[in-house]
Amino acid sequence: MRVGDSARPRASVLTQAHHDYTRLTRALSEIDKALGDEDA
């Protein structure tokens, strides 16, 4: 672990969390689309 990691500004943490959330919702929508295609 680098020394600077624990001193990261909160905004950086929020940006990373938002990026993870966006990636997660995109993956969920892809799964939802794939499941929907099977039903058709």
C-alpha atoms as a PDB file:
ATOM      1  CA  MET A   1       0.000   0.000   0.000  1.00  0.00           C
ATOM      2  CA  ARG A   2       1.352   3.371  -1.000  1.00  0.00           C
ATOM      3  CA  VAL A   3       1.622   6.140   1.583  1.00  0.00           C
ATOM      4  CA  GLY A   4      -0.676   8.456  -0.391  1.00  0.00           C
ATOM      5  CA  ASP A   5      -3.547   5.963  -0.543  1.00  0.00           C
ATOM      6  CA  SER A   6      -4.783   6.631   2.983  1.00  0.00           C
ATOM      7  CA  ALA A   7      -4.592  10.379   2.389  1.00  0.00           C
ATOM      8  CA  ARG A   8      -6.677  10.443  -0.780  1.00  0.00           C
ATOM      9  CA  PRO A   9      -9.272  13.205  -0.853  1.00  0.00           C
ATOM     10  CA  ARG A  10     -12.879  12.127  -0.355  1.00  0.00           C
ATOM     11  CA  ALA A  11     -13.806  13.319  -3.851  1.00  0.00           C
ATOM     12  CA  SER A  12     -11.448  10.745  -5.337  1.00  0.00           C
ATOM     13  CA  VAL A  13     -13.136   7.987  -3.345  1.00  0.00           C
ATOM     14  CA  LEU A  14     -16.569   9.161  -4.469  1.00  0.00           C
ATOM     15  CA  THR A  15     -15.421   9.315  -8.083  1.00  0.00           C
ATOM     16  CA  GLN A  16     -14.151   5.742  -7.869  1.00  0.00           C
ATOM     17  CA  ALA A  17     -17.383   4.598  -6.232  1.00  0.00           C
ATOM     18  CA  HIS A  18     -19.437   6.303  -8.941  1.00  0.00           C
ATOM     19  CA  HIS A  19     -17.296   4.651 -11.624  1.00  0.00           C
ATOM     20  CA  ASP A  20     -17.830   1.237 -10.020  1.00  0.00           C
ATOM     21  CA  TYR A  21     -21.588   1.891  -9.741  1.00  0.00           C
ATOM     22  CA  THR A  22     -21.817   2.941 -13.390  1.00  0.00           C
ATOM     23  CA  ARG A  23     -19.920  -0.160 -14.487  1.00  0.00           C
ATOM     24  CA  LEU A  24     -22.143  -2.365 -12.308  1.00  0.00           C
ATOM     25  CA  THR A  25     -25.409  -0.935 -13.639  1.00  0.00           C
ATOM     26  CA  ARG A  26     -24.119  -1.290 -17.205  1.00  0.00           C
ATOM     27  CA  ALA A  27     -23.297  -4.946 -16.543  1.00  0.00           C
ATOM     28  CA  LEU A  28     -26.723  -5.527 -14.993  1.00  0.00           C
ATOM     29  CA  SER A  29     -28.459  -3.970 -18.004  1.00  0.00           C
ATOM     30  CA  GLU A  30     -26.416  -6.211 -20.315  1.00  0.00           C
ATOM     31  CA  ILE A  31     -27.486  -9.265 -18.283  1.00  0.00           C
ATOM     32  CA  ASP A  32     -31.096  -8.082 -18.329  1.00  0.00           C
ATOM     33  CA  LYS A  33     -30.911  -7.640 -22.104  1.00  0.00           C
ATOM     34  CA  ALA A  34     -29.435 -11.121 -22.546  1.00  0.00           C
ATOM     35  CA  LEU A  35     -32.142 -12.695 -20.394  1.00  0.00           C
ATOM     36  CA  GLY A  36     -34.798 -10.785 -22.337  1.00  0.00           C
ATOM     37  CA  ASP A  37     -33.409 -12.093 -25.617  1.00  0.00           C
ATOM     38  CA  GLU A  38     -33.787 -15.669 -24.374  1.00  0.00           C
ATOM     39  CA  ASP A  39     -37.480 -15.117 -23.633  1.00  0.00           C
ATOM     40  CA  ALA A  40     -38.203 -13.802 -27.124  1.00  0.00           C
END
